[in-house]
């Protein structure tokens, strides 16, 4: 009888140990589900270019012209001439959801209806981060966070060590090096943003 109880105790300990190992492994898998999100893995085959642009080129040249403000032949010519020289960088801000710090009032409360801090980042054409600034209050806009960051101030004041302006290939037109941002960012000699849609005729 005593031997049966000892075997039962060993079995219980092994079971608890296996359960603990299983729980730790499961927690690790939940914390790190992906090294690359599945949505991004599918981008080459199912992203905007593959699913929208190629369809417009094949089926609806008029829509292609509306979308890019140029025909597909002109677009192809432009890509052929500029493609080897495209090394753009993109700037954007993202809200990182947080639990509101005690006594913080509305500083962290953003327009999306939750508390956050802002991650301002710049990525190159290969989706690699080249600059990050994190910690601005969630209530601040991307443009405001950018202008208040050291990087943003240095860019707007011309203090960054950017490559000099260069000629567009095959032309005499000299253009500055630029970051690409969305409508939240200020227009600047080294910062491009979309043309306001209401001004397009």
Protein backbone atom coordinates (compact mmCIF):
# COMPACT_ATOMS: atom_id res chain seq x y z
CA UNK A 1 0.00 0.00 0.00
CA UNK A 2 2.80 2.37 0.94
CA UNK A 3 4.55 1.61 -2.34
CA UNK A 4 1.37 2.41 -4.29
CA UNK A 5 1.14 5.80 -2.52
CA UNK A 6 4.80 6.54 -3.38
CA UNK A 7 4.20 5.70 -7.05
CA UNK A 8 1.08 7.89 -7.05
CA UNK A 9 3.11 10.80 -5.57
CA UNK A 10 5.77 10.40 -8.29
CA UNK A 11 3.08 10.32 -10.99
CA UNK A 12 1.47 13.47 -9.56
CA UNK A 13 4.83 15.28 -9.47
CA UNK A 14 5.60 14.25 -13.06
CA UNK A 15 2.16 15.35 -14.17
CA UNK A 16 2.55 18.74 -12.46
CA UNK A 17 6.00 19.17 -14.01
CA UNK A 18 4.73 18.29 -17.50
CA UNK A 19 1.77 20.65 -17.04
CA UNK A 20 4.12 23.45 -15.96
CA UNK A 21 6.41 22.85 -18.98
CA UNK A 22 3.37 22.83 -21.28
CA UNK A 23 2.05 26.10 -19.81
CA UNK A 24 5.43 27.83 -20.19
CA UNK A 25 5.76 26.67 -23.80
CA UNK A 26 2.21 27.81 -24.58
CA UNK A 27 2.83 31.24 -22.97
CA UNK A 28 6.01 31.64 -25.06
CA UNK A 29 4.10 30.77 -28.24
CA UNK A 30 1.35 33.28 -27.41
CA UNK A 31 3.88 36.07 -26.73
CA UNK A 32 5.71 35.46 -29.99
CA UNK A 33 3.19 34.16 -32.49
CA UNK A 34 4.98 35.44 -35.58
CA UNK A 35 8.37 36.80 -36.55
CA UNK A 36 6.62 38.28 -39.61
CA UNK A 37 2.87 38.76 -39.60
CA UNK A 38 1.09 36.48 -42.09
CA UNK A 39 -0.52 39.53 -43.69
CA UNK A 40 2.92 40.89 -44.60
CA UNK A 41 4.13 37.55 -45.96
CA UNK A 42 1.27 37.65 -48.47
CA UNK A 43 2.00 41.24 -49.57
CA UNK A 44 4.00 40.35 -52.73
CA UNK A 45 1.18 38.14 -54.02
CA UNK A 46 -1.89 39.82 -52.52
CA UNK A 47 -0.83 43.39 -51.70
CA UNK A 48 -2.11 46.59 -53.29
CA UNK A 49 0.11 46.32 -56.35
CA UNK A 50 -0.84 42.72 -57.14
CA UNK A 51 -4.53 42.92 -56.30
CA UNK A 52 -5.39 46.47 -57.41
CA UNK A 53 -2.78 48.06 -59.65
CA UNK A 54 -2.25 45.05 -61.92
CA UNK A 55 -6.03 44.65 -62.29
CA UNK A 56 -6.41 48.33 -63.23
CA UNK A 57 -3.64 47.97 -65.81
CA UNK A 58 -5.28 44.93 -67.39
CA UNK A 59 -8.97 45.81 -67.16
CA UNK A 60 -9.48 49.53 -66.56
CA UNK A 61 -6.83 51.91 -68.00
CA UNK A 62 -9.07 54.90 -67.19
CA UNK A 63 -9.07 54.00 -63.48
CA UNK A 64 -5.27 53.53 -63.66
CA UNK A 65 -5.00 57.07 -65.03
CA UNK A 66 -7.23 58.44 -62.23
CA UNK A 67 -5.25 56.57 -59.57
CA UNK A 68 -1.75 57.60 -60.74
CA UNK A 69 -2.56 60.68 -62.84
CA UNK A 70 -0.69 59.05 -65.75
CA UNK A 71 -1.15 56.28 -68.30
CA UNK A 72 0.34 52.86 -67.68
CA UNK A 73 2.92 53.45 -70.46
CA UNK A 74 4.09 56.68 -68.87
CA UNK A 75 4.12 54.99 -65.46
CA UNK A 76 6.26 52.13 -66.82
CA UNK A 77 8.64 54.61 -68.46
CA UNK A 78 8.98 56.54 -65.18
CA UNK A 79 9.65 53.36 -63.17
CA UNK A 80 12.19 52.21 -65.75
CA UNK A 81 14.08 55.52 -65.55
CA UNK A 82 13.86 56.10 -61.81
CA UNK A 83 13.66 52.56 -60.40
CA UNK A 84 17.39 52.06 -59.83
CA UNK A 85 17.58 55.36 -57.96
CA UNK A 86 14.58 54.95 -55.64
CA UNK A 87 15.78 54.77 -52.07
CA UNK A 88 12.87 56.45 -50.34
CA UNK A 89 12.26 56.58 -46.64
CA UNK A 90 8.82 56.80 -45.07
CA UNK A 91 7.91 58.53 -41.82
CA UNK A 92 4.78 57.77 -39.80
CA UNK A 93 3.46 57.62 -36.28
CA UNK A 94 1.63 54.75 -34.61
CA UNK A 95 -0.32 54.74 -31.36
CA UNK A 96 0.80 52.06 -28.89
CA UNK A 97 -2.08 51.28 -26.51
CA UNK A 98 -1.22 51.57 -22.82
CA UNK A 99 -2.98 51.51 -19.48
CA UNK A 100 -3.48 55.13 -18.43
CA UNK A 101 -0.82 56.19 -15.89
CA UNK A 102 -2.21 57.41 -12.54
CA UNK A 103 -3.20 61.09 -12.46
CA UNK A 104 -2.37 61.57 -16.16
CA UNK A 105 -5.65 63.25 -17.03
CA UNK A 106 -6.26 63.34 -20.77
CA UNK A 107 -2.59 63.55 -21.84
CA UNK A 108 -2.52 59.98 -23.13
CA UNK A 109 -6.13 59.85 -24.41
CA UNK A 110 -6.11 59.88 -28.22
CA UNK A 111 -8.64 60.56 -30.98
CA UNK A 112 -9.22 56.80 -31.37
CA UNK A 113 -10.75 56.65 -27.91
CA UNK A 114 -8.03 54.87 -25.91
CA UNK A 115 -4.86 55.74 -24.02
CA UNK A 116 -1.59 55.50 -25.91
CA UNK A 117 1.92 56.73 -26.46
CA UNK A 118 3.12 57.59 -29.96
CA UNK A 119 5.86 55.68 -31.76
CA UNK A 120 7.33 57.89 -34.50
CA UNK A 121 9.46 55.90 -36.92
CA UNK A 122 11.20 56.14 -40.26
CA UNK A 123 11.61 53.06 -42.47
CA UNK A 124 13.56 52.66 -45.67
CA UNK A 125 12.33 51.09 -48.90
CA UNK A 126 13.14 47.63 -47.53
CA UNK A 127 10.96 48.14 -44.38
CA UNK A 128 14.01 48.53 -42.10
CA UNK A 129 13.75 51.06 -39.26
CA UNK A 130 16.26 53.88 -39.61
CA UNK A 131 14.96 56.14 -36.80
CA UNK A 132 12.53 55.77 -33.90
CA UNK A 133 11.21 58.17 -31.29
CA UNK A 134 8.82 56.80 -28.70
CA UNK A 135 6.96 58.21 -25.73
CA UNK A 136 4.99 61.26 -26.89
CA UNK A 137 1.52 61.67 -25.41
CA UNK A 138 -1.26 59.91 -27.30
CA UNK A 139 -3.25 63.16 -27.61
CA UNK A 140 -0.58 64.66 -29.90
CA UNK A 141 -0.84 64.44 -33.70
CA UNK A 142 1.81 62.78 -35.87
CA UNK A 143 2.85 66.15 -37.24
CA UNK A 144 3.14 67.63 -33.75
CA UNK A 145 5.16 64.69 -32.45
CA UNK A 146 7.45 64.90 -35.49
CA UNK A 147 8.06 68.65 -35.07
CA UNK A 148 8.75 68.22 -31.33
CA UNK A 149 11.19 65.32 -31.80
CA UNK A 150 14.92 66.03 -32.08
CA UNK A 151 14.99 64.38 -35.51
CA UNK A 152 12.04 66.44 -36.76
CA UNK A 153 13.52 69.70 -35.49
CA UNK A 154 16.89 68.89 -37.08
CA UNK A 155 15.26 68.00 -40.43
CA UNK A 156 13.10 71.13 -40.53
CA UNK A 157 16.04 73.35 -39.56
CA UNK A 158 18.38 71.77 -42.15
CA UNK A 159 20.76 70.38 -39.51
CA UNK A 160 20.74 66.72 -40.66
CA UNK A 161 23.62 65.30 -42.65
CA UNK A 162 21.48 64.40 -45.68
CA UNK A 163 22.96 63.57 -49.08
CA UNK A 164 23.06 66.65 -51.33
CA UNK A 165 20.38 67.27 -53.97
CA UNK A 166 20.98 65.33 -57.19
CA UNK A 167 19.89 65.35 -60.82
CA UNK A 168 16.99 63.18 -61.88
CA UNK A 169 18.33 60.50 -64.24
CA UNK A 170 18.54 61.63 -67.84
CA UNK A 171 17.59 65.23 -67.03
CA UNK A 172 19.14 68.42 -65.74
CA UNK A 173 16.51 68.74 -62.99
CA UNK A 174 18.07 68.85 -59.53
CA UNK A 175 15.88 67.63 -56.66
CA UNK A 176 16.47 67.33 -52.90
CA UNK A 177 16.45 64.07 -50.95
CA UNK A 178 13.09 63.67 -49.21
CA UNK A 179 11.20 61.65 -46.64
CA UNK A 180 7.65 60.64 -47.56
CA UNK A 181 4.92 61.27 -45.01
CA UNK A 182 1.14 61.44 -44.96
CA UNK A 183 -1.08 64.52 -44.74
CA UNK A 184 -0.36 64.92 -41.00
CA UNK A 185 3.19 66.08 -41.71
CA UNK A 186 4.28 69.55 -42.81
CA UNK A 187 5.36 70.11 -46.40
CA UNK A 188 9.08 70.90 -46.44
CA UNK A 189 11.99 70.84 -48.88
CA UNK A 190 13.05 67.44 -47.42
CA UNK A 191 9.58 66.16 -46.50
CA UNK A 192 6.98 65.21 -49.12
CA UNK A 193 3.29 64.65 -48.43
CA UNK A 194 0.28 63.86 -50.62
CA UNK A 195 -1.28 66.63 -52.65
CA UNK A 196 -4.63 67.59 -51.02
CA UNK A 197 -7.39 65.66 -52.82
CA UNK A 198 -9.77 68.61 -52.80
CA UNK A 199 -7.29 70.60 -54.91
CA UNK A 200 -6.98 67.95 -57.63
CA UNK A 201 -9.03 68.82 -60.71
